[in-house]
Protein backbone atom coordinates (compact mmCIF):
# COMPACT_ATOMS: atom_id res chain seq x y z
CA UNK A 1 35.22 28.02 -16.04
CA UNK A 2 36.78 30.92 -17.97
CA UNK A 3 39.45 27.76 -19.34
CA UNK A 4 36.59 25.96 -20.35
CA UNK A 5 35.24 28.76 -22.54
CA UNK A 6 38.43 28.86 -24.27
CA UNK A 7 38.31 25.26 -25.08
CA UNK A 8 36.94 24.79 -28.80
CA UNK A 9 33.47 23.86 -29.21
CA UNK A 10 34.29 20.34 -31.03
CA UNK A 11 36.60 19.35 -27.99
CA UNK A 12 33.73 19.97 -25.34
CA UNK A 13 31.22 18.29 -27.59
CA UNK A 14 33.37 15.11 -28.03
CA UNK A 15 34.62 15.05 -24.09
CA UNK A 16 30.76 15.29 -23.75
CA UNK A 17 29.92 12.42 -25.85
CA UNK A 18 32.97 10.05 -24.49
CA UNK A 19 31.58 11.30 -20.91
CA UNK A 20 28.09 10.18 -21.97
CA UNK A 21 29.17 6.76 -23.55
CA UNK A 22 30.99 5.67 -20.54
CA UNK A 23 27.72 6.71 -18.17
CA UNK A 24 25.60 4.47 -20.57
CA UNK A 25 27.96 1.55 -21.05
CA UNK A 26 28.57 1.63 -16.77
CA UNK A 27 24.72 1.11 -16.53
CA UNK A 28 24.63 -1.76 -18.99
CA UNK A 29 27.18 -3.83 -16.88
CA UNK A 30 24.13 -4.88 -15.07
CA UNK A 31 21.66 -4.77 -17.57
CA UNK A 32 20.08 -7.44 -19.90
CA UNK A 33 18.30 -9.00 -16.58
CA UNK A 34 16.10 -12.22 -17.18
CA UNK A 35 13.41 -12.20 -14.58
CA UNK A 36 11.11 -15.56 -14.48
CA UNK A 37 7.27 -14.76 -15.02
CA UNK A 38 5.33 -15.73 -11.87
CA UNK A 39 1.09 -15.80 -11.62
CA UNK A 40 -1.36 -13.09 -11.74
CA UNK A 41 -3.54 -10.80 -9.91
CA UNK A 42 -6.94 -9.12 -10.53
CA UNK A 43 -5.05 -5.70 -9.28
CA UNK A 44 -2.11 -4.24 -8.10
CA UNK A 45 -3.14 -3.43 -4.32
CA UNK A 46 -2.37 -6.76 -2.45
CA UNK A 47 1.26 -5.87 -2.85
CA UNK A 48 1.78 -2.72 -1.72
CA UNK A 49 2.72 -2.78 1.78
CA UNK A 50 7.02 -3.07 2.50
CA UNK A 51 6.41 -4.62 5.89
CA UNK A 52 4.31 -7.54 4.33
CA UNK A 53 6.23 -10.60 3.92
CA UNK A 54 5.06 -12.29 0.91
CA UNK A 55 7.87 -14.31 -0.44
CA UNK A 56 9.98 -16.67 1.38
CA UNK A 57 13.01 -18.95 0.66
CA UNK A 58 14.71 -21.70 2.16
CA UNK A 59 18.33 -23.05 1.64
CA UNK A 60 17.40 -26.49 2.93
CA UNK A 61 14.70 -27.25 0.63
CA UNK A 62 15.92 -25.15 -2.38
CA UNK A 63 12.26 -23.42 -2.46
CA UNK A 64 11.18 -19.99 -3.65
CA UNK A 65 7.42 -19.16 -3.09
CA UNK A 66 5.14 -16.10 -3.59
CA UNK A 67 1.79 -15.57 -2.12
CA UNK A 68 -0.28 -13.47 -3.98
CA UNK A 69 -4.46 -13.02 -4.70
CA UNK A 70 -5.76 -14.34 -7.83
CA UNK A 71 -6.88 -13.21 -11.27
CA UNK A 72 -10.20 -13.09 -11.69
CA UNK A 73 -10.15 -12.93 -15.45
CA UNK A 74 -8.34 -16.64 -15.63
CA UNK A 75 -9.84 -18.20 -12.54
CA UNK A 76 -13.39 -16.75 -12.96
CA UNK A 77 -15.69 -15.65 -10.30
CA UNK A 78 -17.03 -12.02 -9.41
CA UNK A 79 -15.25 -9.08 -8.17
CA UNK A 80 -14.99 -10.49 -4.50
CA UNK A 81 -13.14 -13.81 -5.83
CA UNK A 82 -10.20 -11.55 -6.57
CA UNK A 83 -8.95 -12.02 -3.11
CA UNK A 84 -8.54 -15.54 -2.94
CA UNK A 85 -5.14 -16.60 -2.47
CA UNK A 86 -3.01 -18.50 -4.65
CA UNK A 87 1.42 -19.40 -4.60
CA UNK A 88 4.01 -19.59 -7.16
CA UNK A 89 6.38 -22.30 -6.14
CA UNK A 90 9.93 -22.92 -7.05
CA UNK A 91 11.84 -26.37 -5.78
CA UNK A 92 15.11 -25.55 -7.99
CA UNK A 93 16.27 -22.50 -6.17
CA UNK A 94 14.14 -20.24 -8.27
CA UNK A 95 14.75 -21.60 -11.93
CA UNK A 96 11.57 -23.00 -12.68
CA UNK A 97 8.17 -22.17 -11.22
CA UNK A 98 4.66 -23.67 -11.01
CA UNK A 99 2.22 -20.85 -10.93
CA UNK A 100 -1.19 -20.09 -9.38
CA UNK A 101 -1.24 -23.10 -6.95
CA UNK A 102 -4.47 -22.60 -5.11
CA UNK A 103 -6.81 -21.40 -3.83
CA UNK A 104 -5.92 -21.57 -0.07
CA UNK A 105 -8.95 -19.54 1.31
CA UNK A 106 -11.62 -21.83 -0.49
CA UNK A 107 -14.64 -21.20 2.61
CA UNK A 108 -14.11 -17.73 1.95
CA UNK A 109 -16.08 -16.24 4.95
CA UNK A 110 -14.33 -13.11 4.26
CA UNK A 111 -12.24 -10.88 1.69
CA UNK A 112 -8.65 -11.19 2.22
CA UNK A 113 -6.10 -8.48 1.96
CA UNK A 114 -2.49 -8.16 2.22
CA UNK A 115 -1.40 -11.95 2.46
CA UNK A 116 2.02 -12.78 4.40
CA UNK A 117 3.80 -16.10 3.88
CA UNK A 118 6.33 -17.87 5.84
CA UNK A 119 7.36 -21.52 6.28
CA UNK A 120 7.31 -24.90 9.07
CA UNK A 121 10.12 -27.08 8.37
CA UNK A 122 11.24 -29.69 10.84
CA UNK A 123 14.65 -29.95 11.65
CA UNK A 124 17.13 -31.86 9.13
CA UNK A 125 14.23 -31.62 6.37
CA UNK A 126 15.10 -31.28 2.97
CA UNK A 127 11.77 -32.39 1.20
CA UNK A 128 10.15 -29.58 0.41
CA UNK A 129 6.83 -31.95 0.33
CA UNK A 130 7.18 -32.48 3.62
CA UNK A 131 7.29 -28.65 4.95
CA UNK A 132 4.09 -26.52 5.11
CA UNK A 133 3.60 -23.01 4.07
CA UNK A 134 2.00 -20.71 7.00
CA UNK A 135 0.02 -17.89 5.88
CA UNK A 136 -2.02 -14.78 6.83
CA UNK A 137 -3.98 -12.16 5.79
CA UNK A 138 -6.29 -9.59 7.20
CA UNK A 139 -9.90 -9.82 6.31
CA UNK A 140 -12.66 -7.47 5.61
CA UNK A 141 -16.62 -7.84 5.34
CA UNK A 142 -16.71 -5.65 1.95
CA UNK A 143 -19.22 -8.14 0.13
CA UNK A 144 -19.30 -6.72 -2.46
CA UNK A 145 -16.19 -4.72 -3.05
CA UNK A 146 -17.01 -0.73 -3.39
CA UNK A 147 -13.50 1.06 -3.58
CA UNK A 148 -15.82 3.93 -2.57
CA UNK A 149 -16.70 3.01 0.80
CA UNK A 150 -14.83 2.45 4.03
CA UNK A 151 -12.99 -1.30 4.42
CA UNK A 152 -14.50 -2.58 7.15
CA UNK A 153 -11.77 -5.16 8.91
CA UNK A 154 -12.84 -7.85 10.90
CA UNK A 155 -10.14 -9.87 11.77
CA UNK A 156 -7.65 -12.30 10.11
CA UNK A 157 -7.23 -15.28 8.25
CA UNK A 158 -4.60 -18.18 8.61
CA UNK A 159 -3.39 -21.13 7.43
CA UNK A 160 -0.78 -23.78 6.49
CA UNK A 161 -0.82 -25.16 2.98
CA UNK A 162 1.17 -27.96 1.54
CA UNK A 163 3.42 -27.51 -0.81
CA UNK A 164 2.54 -29.04 -4.26
CA UNK A 165 3.40 -28.02 -7.92
CA UNK A 166 -0.20 -28.91 -8.73
CA UNK A 167 -3.82 -27.05 -7.60
CA UNK A 168 -5.71 -27.54 -5.66
CA UNK A 169 -3.56 -27.74 -2.33
CA UNK A 170 -4.27 -29.27 1.04
CA UNK A 171 -4.93 -26.42 3.24
CA UNK A 172 -6.23 -25.18 6.72
CA UNK A 173 -8.17 -22.15 6.75
CA UNK A 174 -9.54 -20.44 10.05
CA UNK A 175 -11.15 -16.93 10.56
CA UNK A 176 -9.68 -15.49 14.16
CA UNK A 177 -10.00 -12.29 16.05
CA UNK A 178 -13.27 -11.33 14.43
CA UNK A 179 -14.43 -9.76 17.88
CA UNK A 180 -11.05 -7.78 18.13
CA UNK A 181 -9.92 -4.82 17.05
CA UNK A 182 -7.97 -5.56 14.22
CA UNK A 183 -6.38 -4.17 10.34
CA UNK A 184 -3.31 -5.06 8.57
CA UNK A 185 -1.55 -8.20 9.57
CA UNK A 186 2.36 -7.35 8.84
CA UNK A 187 5.66 -8.91 8.88
CA UNK A 188 4.52 -12.89 9.18
CA UNK A 189 8.07 -14.25 10.36
CA UNK A 190 9.49 -17.56 12.27
CA UNK A 191 10.65 -17.29 15.64
CA UNK A 192 12.07 -20.49 17.62
CA UNK A 193 11.58 -23.53 15.62
CA UNK A 194 7.68 -24.09 15.56
CA UNK A 195 7.02 -20.64 16.18
CA UNK A 196 5.81 -17.83 14.26
CA UNK A 197 5.05 -14.42 14.84
CA UNK A 198 3.35 -11.61 13.07
CA UNK A 199 2.04 -8.07 14.30
CA UNK A 200 -0.33 -4.86 13.56
CA UNK A 201 -1.49 -1.64 14.69
CA UNK A 202 -5.02 -2.16 16.55
CA UNK A 203 -7.80 -1.02 14.68
CA UNK A 204 -11.13 0.94 15.16
CA UNK A 205 -12.65 -1.20 11.95
CA UNK A 206 -12.06 1.26 9.72
CA UNK A 207 -8.38 2.88 10.35
CA UNK A 208 -5.60 2.10 12.84
CA UNK A 209 -5.21 2.78 16.56
CA UNK A 210 -2.04 3.53 18.26
CA UNK A 211 -1.77 0.12 19.92
CA UNK A 212 0.78 -2.53 18.98
CA UNK A 213 -0.38 -5.75 18.73
CA UNK A 214 2.18 -9.00 18.53
CA UNK A 215 0.33 -12.53 17.63
CA UNK A 216 2.20 -15.56 18.35
CA UNK A 217 1.75 -18.95 16.61
CA UNK A 218 3.07 -22.47 17.33
CA UNK A 219 2.65 -25.30 15.15
CA UNK A 220 0.28 -28.21 16.21
CA UNK A 221 1.27 -31.80 15.15
CA UNK A 222 -1.92 -33.06 15.57
CA UNK A 223 -3.96 -30.56 13.58
CA UNK A 224 -1.07 -30.01 11.03
CA UNK A 225 -2.01 -26.20 11.82
CA UNK A 226 -0.81 -23.36 13.69
CA UNK A 227 -2.20 -22.75 17.03
CA UNK A 228 -2.57 -18.41 16.87
CA UNK A 229 -3.00 -16.32 19.66
CA UNK A 230 -2.96 -12.63 20.54
CA UNK A 231 0.32 -12.43 22.90
CA UNK A 232 0.90 -8.96 23.75
CA UNK A 233 -0.06 -5.34 23.08
CA UNK A 234 1.64 -1.71 24.05
CA UNK A 235 0.08 1.35 24.11
CA UNK A 236 3.04 4.05 24.14
CA UNK A 237 2.98 7.59 24.68
CA UNK A 238 2.70 9.29 21.58
CA UNK A 239 3.55 13.07 20.99
CA UNK A 240 0.35 15.30 20.38
CA UNK A 241 1.71 18.62 20.96
CA UNK A 242 2.41 19.64 16.64
CA UNK A 243 -0.89 18.37 15.13
CA UNK A 244 -2.89 17.03 18.00
CA UNK A 245 -2.60 13.77 15.78
CA UNK A 246 -0.83 10.32 17.04
CA UNK A 247 1.52 9.21 14.30
CA UNK A 248 2.67 5.90 13.98
CA UNK A 249 3.34 4.04 10.86
CA UNK A 250 4.39 0.31 9.06
CA UNK A 251 4.85 -2.20 11.94
CA UNK A 252 7.50 -5.14 12.10
CA UNK A 253 8.67 -7.85 13.87
CA UNK A 254 11.86 -10.13 12.89
CA UNK A 255 13.72 -12.71 15.30
CA UNK A 256 17.57 -13.78 15.49
CA UNK A 257 18.15 -16.84 13.67
CA UNK A 258 18.09 -18.90 16.84
CA UNK A 259 14.70 -17.37 17.69
CA UNK A 260 16.24 -16.31 20.89
CA UNK A 261 16.04 -12.61 20.41
CA UNK A 262 13.34 -10.47 18.84
CA UNK A 263 12.74 -7.00 17.73
CA UNK A 264 9.48 -5.40 16.90
CA UNK A 265 9.64 -1.78 15.50
CA UNK A 266 7.55 0.69 13.80
CA UNK A 267 7.98 4.71 12.88
CA UNK A 268 6.24 7.26 14.91
CA UNK A 269 6.96 10.39 17.28
CA UNK A 270 6.45 9.33 21.00
CA UNK A 271 6.02 11.85 23.85
CA UNK A 272 9.65 13.07 24.82
CA UNK A 273 11.77 12.75 21.64
CA UNK A 274 12.29 15.08 18.55
CA UNK A 275 8.73 16.63 17.86
CA UNK A 276 7.19 16.83 14.65
CA UNK A 277 9.58 13.78 13.06
CA UNK A 278 8.95 10.55 11.92
CA UNK A 279 11.51 8.33 14.17
CA UNK A 280 12.50 4.57 14.70
CA UNK A 281 10.81 2.97 17.36
CA UNK A 282 11.77 -0.07 18.47
CA UNK A 283 11.16 -2.70 21.50
CA UNK A 284 13.13 -5.80 22.17
CA UNK A 285 12.72 -9.23 23.45
CA UNK A 286 15.29 -11.58 24.80
CA UNK A 287 13.43 -14.74 25.78
CA UNK A 288 12.08 -15.56 22.17
CA UNK A 289 9.15 -13.28 22.38
CA UNK A 290 7.77 -14.52 25.61
CA UNK A 291 8.57 -11.20 27.72
CA UNK A 292 9.00 -7.67 26.00
CA UNK A 293 10.79 -4.52 26.97
CA UNK A 294 9.30 -1.02 26.49
CA UNK A 295 9.45 0.61 23.34
CA UNK A 296 12.39 2.89 22.89
CA UNK A 297 12.41 5.81 20.37
CA UNK A 298 15.60 6.43 18.59
CA UNK A 299 16.69 10.01 18.57
CA UNK A 300 18.15 10.92 14.97
CA UNK A 301 19.56 13.92 16.27
CA UNK A 302 22.32 11.84 18.74
CA UNK A 303 22.60 9.03 16.93
CA UNK A 304 26.21 7.81 15.72
CA UNK A 305 26.66 8.07 12.01
CA UNK A 306 28.54 5.58 9.82
CA UNK A 307 28.58 7.07 6.44
CA UNK A 308 30.19 9.87 3.81
CA UNK A 309 29.96 12.79 6.41
CA UNK A 310 30.66 12.91 10.21
CA UNK A 311 26.90 13.25 11.20
CA UNK A 312 23.43 12.37 9.97
CA UNK A 313 22.74 16.13 10.57
CA UNK A 314 26.46 17.02 7.99
CA UNK A 315 24.84 14.65 5.45
CA UNK A 316 21.01 16.18 5.30
CA UNK A 317 22.78 19.90 4.87
CA UNK A 318 26.08 19.11 2.74
CA UNK A 319 24.56 19.76 -0.41
CA UNK A 320 21.72 22.61 0.59
CA UNK A 321 23.50 23.89 3.42
CA UNK A 322 21.57 27.25 3.63
CA UNK A 323 18.06 25.56 2.76
CA UNK A 324 17.87 21.84 4.36
CA UNK A 325 16.97 22.18 7.99
CA UNK A 326 19.35 19.35 8.92
CA UNK A 327 16.62 17.73 11.11
CA UNK A 328 15.87 13.85 9.87
CA UNK A 329 12.61 12.40 9.81
CA UNK A 330 12.10 8.94 8.03
CA UNK A 331 9.74 8.48 5.13
CA UNK A 332 6.38 6.40 5.70
CA UNK A 333 7.57 2.59 5.40
CA UNK A 334 10.23 0.35 7.01
CA UNK A 335 11.64 -3.27 6.70
CA UNK A 336 13.26 -4.93 9.94
CA UNK A 337 15.44 -8.09 10.07
CA UNK A 338 17.43 -9.45 12.97
CA UNK A 339 21.12 -10.78 12.52
CA UNK A 340 23.14 -13.17 14.51
CA UNK A 341 24.32 -11.50 17.30
CA UNK A 342 20.60 -10.10 17.96
CA UNK A 343 20.69 -6.97 16.32
CA UNK A 344 18.06 -5.36 14.71
CA UNK A 345 18.98 -3.93 11.13
CA UNK A 346 15.46 -1.39 10.81
CA UNK A 347 15.72 -0.27 7.49
CA UNK A 348 14.22 3.42 5.91
CA UNK A 349 14.60 6.43 3.90
CA UNK A 350 15.89 9.51 5.81
CA UNK A 351 15.45 12.97 4.91
CA UNK A 352 15.01 16.97 5.99
CA UNK A 353 11.60 17.53 7.83
CA UNK A 354 9.80 20.03 6.08
CA UNK A 355 9.62 23.31 8.49
CA UNK A 356 7.56 26.39 8.34
CA UNK A 357 5.63 28.94 10.40
CA UNK A 358 4.02 26.25 12.60
CA UNK A 359 7.08 24.29 13.36
CA UNK A 360 7.87 20.19 11.74
CA UNK A 361 5.45 18.94 10.00
CA UNK A 362 6.06 14.98 9.87
CA UNK A 363 6.98 15.39 5.87
CA UNK A 364 9.90 14.96 4.02
CA UNK A 365 11.46 17.88 1.79
CA UNK A 366 11.84 15.88 -1.38
CA UNK A 367 13.69 18.21 -3.28
CA UNK A 368 16.72 17.71 -0.49
CA UNK A 369 18.95 15.13 0.59
CA UNK A 370 17.72 11.74 1.55
CA UNK A 371 19.56 8.67 2.78
CA UNK A 372 19.14 5.32 2.78
CA UNK A 373 19.52 3.88 6.73
CA UNK A 374 20.17 0.92 8.37
CA UNK A 375 19.30 1.59 12.13
CA UNK A 376 21.01 -0.84 14.15
CA UNK A 377 22.75 -1.29 17.67
CA UNK A 378 26.38 -3.25 18.93
CA UNK A 379 25.29 -3.16 22.57
CA UNK A 380 21.62 -4.10 22.68
CA UNK A 381 20.00 -0.95 22.19
CA UNK A 382 22.11 1.03 24.59
CA UNK A 383 23.71 3.13 21.68
CA UNK A 384 22.03 3.43 17.96
CA UNK A 385 24.00 3.60 15.11
CA UNK A 386 22.41 4.98 11.52
CA UNK A 387 24.49 2.80 8.40
CA UNK A 388 24.83 4.74 5.41
CA UNK A 389 23.57 2.09 2.50
CA UNK A 390 22.78 4.25 -0.26
CA UNK A 391 22.06 8.07 -1.26
CA UNK A 392 18.98 8.79 -2.70
CA UNK A 393 17.92 10.84 -5.40
CA UNK A 394 14.25 10.59 -5.78
CA UNK A 395 11.10 9.39 -3.38
CA UNK A 396 8.10 9.46 -4.15
CA UNK A 397 6.77 8.26 -7.99
CA UNK A 398 2.45 7.99 -8.97
CA UNK A 399 1.56 5.07 -11.32
CA UNK A 400 -1.38 3.66 -13.09
CA UNK A 401 -4.56 5.30 -14.65
CA UNK A 402 -6.63 7.95 -12.30
CA UNK A 403 -9.63 6.02 -11.12
CA UNK A 404 -13.25 7.43 -10.90
CA UNK A 405 -11.80 9.82 -7.82
CA UNK A 406 -8.78 10.80 -9.70
CA UNK A 407 -6.56 9.16 -7.84
CA UNK A 408 -3.35 6.82 -8.73
CA UNK A 409 -1.33 4.70 -6.80
CA UNK A 410 2.05 5.71 -5.29
CA UNK A 411 5.26 4.19 -4.55
CA UNK A 412 8.16 5.43 -2.27
CA UNK A 413 11.60 3.67 -2.39
CA UNK A 414 10.11 0.68 -1.18
CA UNK A 415 12.90 -0.37 1.24
CA UNK A 416 13.66 -4.16 2.14
CA UNK A 417 16.25 -5.92 3.79
CA UNK A 418 17.19 -9.80 4.40
CA UNK A 419 19.29 -11.56 5.49
CA UNK A 420 21.50 -15.01 5.20
CA UNK A 421 19.90 -17.70 6.98
CA UNK A 422 22.60 -17.88 9.49
CA UNK A 423 22.38 -13.61 10.06
CA UNK A 424 26.12 -13.59 9.14
CA UNK A 425 25.08 -11.22 5.75
CA UNK A 426 22.53 -8.57 5.47
CA UNK A 427 20.99 -7.66 2.22
CA UNK A 428 18.91 -4.44 0.76
CA UNK A 429 16.55 -3.47 -1.79
CA UNK A 430 14.99 -0.58 -2.77
CA UNK A 431 14.10 1.65 -5.97
CA UNK A 432 15.07 4.81 -7.05
CA UNK A 433 15.25 6.91 -10.26
CA UNK A 434 17.95 7.94 -12.36
CA UNK A 435 17.78 11.60 -12.70
CA UNK A 436 20.32 14.33 -13.16
CA UNK A 437 18.99 16.36 -10.11
CA UNK A 438 18.54 15.68 -6.51
CA UNK A 439 14.63 15.80 -5.62
CA UNK A 440 13.22 14.56 -9.15
CA UNK A 441 10.21 12.40 -9.45
CA UNK A 442 10.62 8.65 -8.48
CA UNK A 443 8.47 7.94 -11.90
CA UNK A 444 10.98 5.45 -13.67
CA UNK A 445 11.86 3.14 -10.00
CA UNK A 446 14.75 1.14 -11.03
CA UNK A 447 16.02 -2.14 -8.49
CA UNK A 448 18.66 -1.65 -6.23
CA UNK A 449 20.45 -3.75 -4.18
CA UNK A 450 23.32 -3.47 -1.57
CA UNK A 451 25.12 -6.11 1.27
CA UNK A 452 26.78 -5.81 4.93
CA UNK A 453 28.70 -8.49 6.27
CA UNK A 454 28.17 -9.00 9.95
CA UNK A 455 31.82 -9.92 10.96
CA UNK A 456 33.60 -7.01 9.76
CA UNK A 457 30.89 -4.13 8.73
CA UNK A 458 32.18 -4.61 5.20
CA UNK A 459 29.62 -3.09 2.83
CA UNK A 460 28.91 -4.46 -0.61
CA UNK A 461 28.43 -1.71 -2.91
CA UNK A 462 24.99 -0.79 -4.56
CA UNK A 463 23.93 -2.36 -7.66
CA UNK A 464 21.65 -1.09 -10.25
CA UNK A 465 19.88 -4.44 -11.40
CA UNK A 466 17.29 -3.08 -13.60
CA UNK A 467 19.27 0.10 -14.82
CA UNK A 468 19.92 0.00 -18.65
CA UNK A 469 17.73 -3.01 -19.40
CA UNK A 470 15.54 -2.04 -22.71
CA UNK A 471 12.67 -4.14 -21.07
CA UNK A 472 12.59 -3.18 -17.47
CA UNK A 473 14.82 -0.32 -17.10
CA UNK A 474 12.86 2.02 -15.08
CA UNK A 475 9.91 -0.37 -14.34
CA UNK A 476 10.56 -1.75 -10.87
CA UNK A 477 7.20 -1.60 -9.11
CA UNK A 478 6.97 -2.78 -5.26
CA UNK A 479 9.67 -5.11 -5.29
CA UNK A 480 9.00 -7.49 -2.25
CA UNK A 481 11.74 -9.60 -0.76
CA UNK A 482 11.95 -12.90 1.56
CA UNK A 483 13.18 -12.35 4.93
CA UNK A 484 16.28 -14.77 4.13
CA UNK A 485 18.10 -15.02 1.00
CA UNK A 486 19.39 -18.03 -0.82
CA UNK A 487 22.97 -19.35 -0.21
CA UNK A 488 25.05 -20.88 -2.60
CA UNK A 489 28.85 -21.50 -1.68
CA UNK A 490 30.03 -17.81 -1.46
CA UNK A 491 27.08 -16.35 -3.81
CA UNK A 492 23.62 -14.73 -2.33
CA UNK A 493 20.35 -14.64 -4.12
CA UNK A 494 18.26 -12.02 -2.95
CA UNK A 495 14.52 -13.59 -3.89
CA UNK A 496 12.96 -10.29 -5.11
CA UNK A 497 9.35 -10.48 -6.65
CA UNK A 498 8.17 -7.30 -8.58
CA UNK A 499 4.90 -6.20 -9.88
CA UNK A 500 3.93 -5.37 -13.43
CA UNK A 501 0.88 -3.72 -14.57
CA UNK A 502 -0.46 -5.49 -17.20
CA UNK A 503 -2.66 -2.76 -18.83
CA UNK A 504 -0.84 0.16 -16.84
CA UNK A 505 -4.14 0.60 -14.29
CA UNK A 506 -4.28 -0.67 -10.96
CA UNK A 507 -7.70 -2.01 -11.15
CA UNK A 508 -6.67 -4.10 -13.74
CA UNK A 509 -4.83 -7.59 -14.21
CA UNK A 510 -0.95 -7.67 -12.54
CA UNK A 511 1.46 -9.94 -13.51
CA UNK A 512 4.46 -10.74 -11.06
CA UNK A 513 8.09 -11.33 -11.88
CA UNK A 514 10.68 -12.77 -9.99
CA UNK A 515 14.31 -11.06 -10.14
CA UNK A 516 16.22 -13.55 -7.47
CA UNK A 517 18.62 -15.08 -10.59
CA UNK A 518 19.45 -11.43 -10.99
CA UNK A 519 19.52 -9.67 -7.63
CA UNK A 520 22.59 -11.93 -7.05
CA UNK A 521 25.54 -10.78 -4.61
CA UNK A 522 28.97 -12.78 -4.14
CA UNK A 523 31.36 -12.56 -1.13
CA UNK A 524 33.87 -10.85 -3.58
CA UNK A 525 31.59 -7.60 -3.54
CA UNK A 526 31.91 -7.03 -0.13
CA UNK A 527 35.32 -5.14 -0.10
CA UNK A 528 37.11 -1.93 0.75
CA UNK A 529 39.13 0.91 -1.16
CA UNK A 530 39.48 2.60 -4.41
CA UNK A 531 37.56 -0.26 -6.36
CA UNK A 532 34.86 -0.65 -4.17
CA UNK A 533 34.25 3.15 -4.17
CA UNK A 534 34.51 3.60 -7.68
CA UNK A 535 31.60 0.91 -8.06
CA UNK A 536 29.59 2.89 -5.54
CA UNK A 537 29.95 6.10 -7.72
CA UNK A 538 28.44 4.24 -10.43
CA UNK A 539 25.18 3.94 -8.56
CA UNK A 540 23.46 6.02 -10.33
CA UNK A 541 23.95 7.23 -14.04
CA UNK A 542 22.65 10.27 -15.79
CA UNK A 543 20.38 8.57 -18.37
CA UNK A 544 17.44 9.27 -19.98
CA UNK A 545 14.47 8.35 -17.96
CA UNK A 546 10.94 6.91 -18.72
CA UNK A 547 7.53 6.57 -16.91
CA UNK A 548 7.45 3.07 -15.20
CA UNK A 549 4.39 2.46 -16.74
CA UNK A 550 3.53 4.10 -20.10
CA UNK A 551 6.80 4.28 -21.53
CA UNK A 552 7.15 8.17 -21.67
């Protein structure tokens, strides 16, 4: 510092200006994005879940589809009709989309919430119009809907729809599991050929209970529909010593490309592990989902850490050695995929647990170190590995307009994971704000992506997709990604759809945008050495930030 004081002020200012200019220029390398406008919903509440698969993509069909609730200001109807479902479809790999095809749920027995989407396609078929969109949603009996009253969950609705570029499509619409205790259907995915899966926590009608339920669907050629059954449930013993509450969040399910190895995963705190922290809990099937093993809680304190520090504890304390607890806990959301070797990739943000007089609290210290992790294994689950994807600067942001109860909507880092169809490459997306300090508010979220090559473990360094763009910098809201990416030669397109509140009001219309043609990773991005490290160091730049919804 003494030497710097002796430098002429003009020199210091010039150097500072040059450094600032370099940082701005570095951000703008990935700027000038051109997302494609999709359809609209009456509000934003249908896309808030990270474990809600709403986008599907197919290499063979050159297809991308996105399922969402409709906008009654366009399609008419009262407030109840805003949960009718429509999809946006591209059959040229995401270049041109047909909008708002629907509705799929014309009989509309119950309100539909949190829709999920998958694809049924026969072996060798390359004609998208000979395939089916498989969909599922949670249902509730709130007619008319009152945001001030608890939602009463009453089963699910499922269907199989034709692919068409014009409305209305021909779709089945079956209301199921009304008599069972259901909550929010999550993570609809493909297993073996002609089989489909989704999962949820069992419910009380108002809130979830601790049983994890797995649903299995089988394509029925005679009805051209999916026959669904409640296939498996498990009620593990949770720790209740910390606050007399069972903690469980974000249920997911995914299968390997062949469909033989499946994993169910969620966040929680089982009895006997690290108490007071939210940890990965995983459950495996080796016979295509016919049977499932017992849930296993991954212990962050002993996990093998592959990252910038020797251990996960070292990472969590490396910047605030005296004040960080060094005890890992996840945030409240996660996403899951399974690679070609049958290994899970359970992705979440992890940070220091907040501690106090009563011990650990399940909460993250927002102002301390955080990291996006891929929790995986190379030996079927005997040993667990935490791969560092990116350092996270901010955690939570709030957006929209305060409602009558003073509430806004919240977004954390919205972790998403996808894979190539062959399962040999894994892809990640998330949001974070470009701030000068760590622990700031995630009020100007940008979309980031990265990748992992399975054959040799080489990473594709993180890219800031929206940073520096004059239209989209700091405005990535709830960017949901398909379970598989589009592959063209040595280029991988990540099918990401992001939301935009038209009037900065969560209860008013929301439009959706397809960012897949901007969120691209090339084979050359999987690299090691100084060049790659330089790219990674430019992940988060010091730039002026604006709020994602009010431009301030």
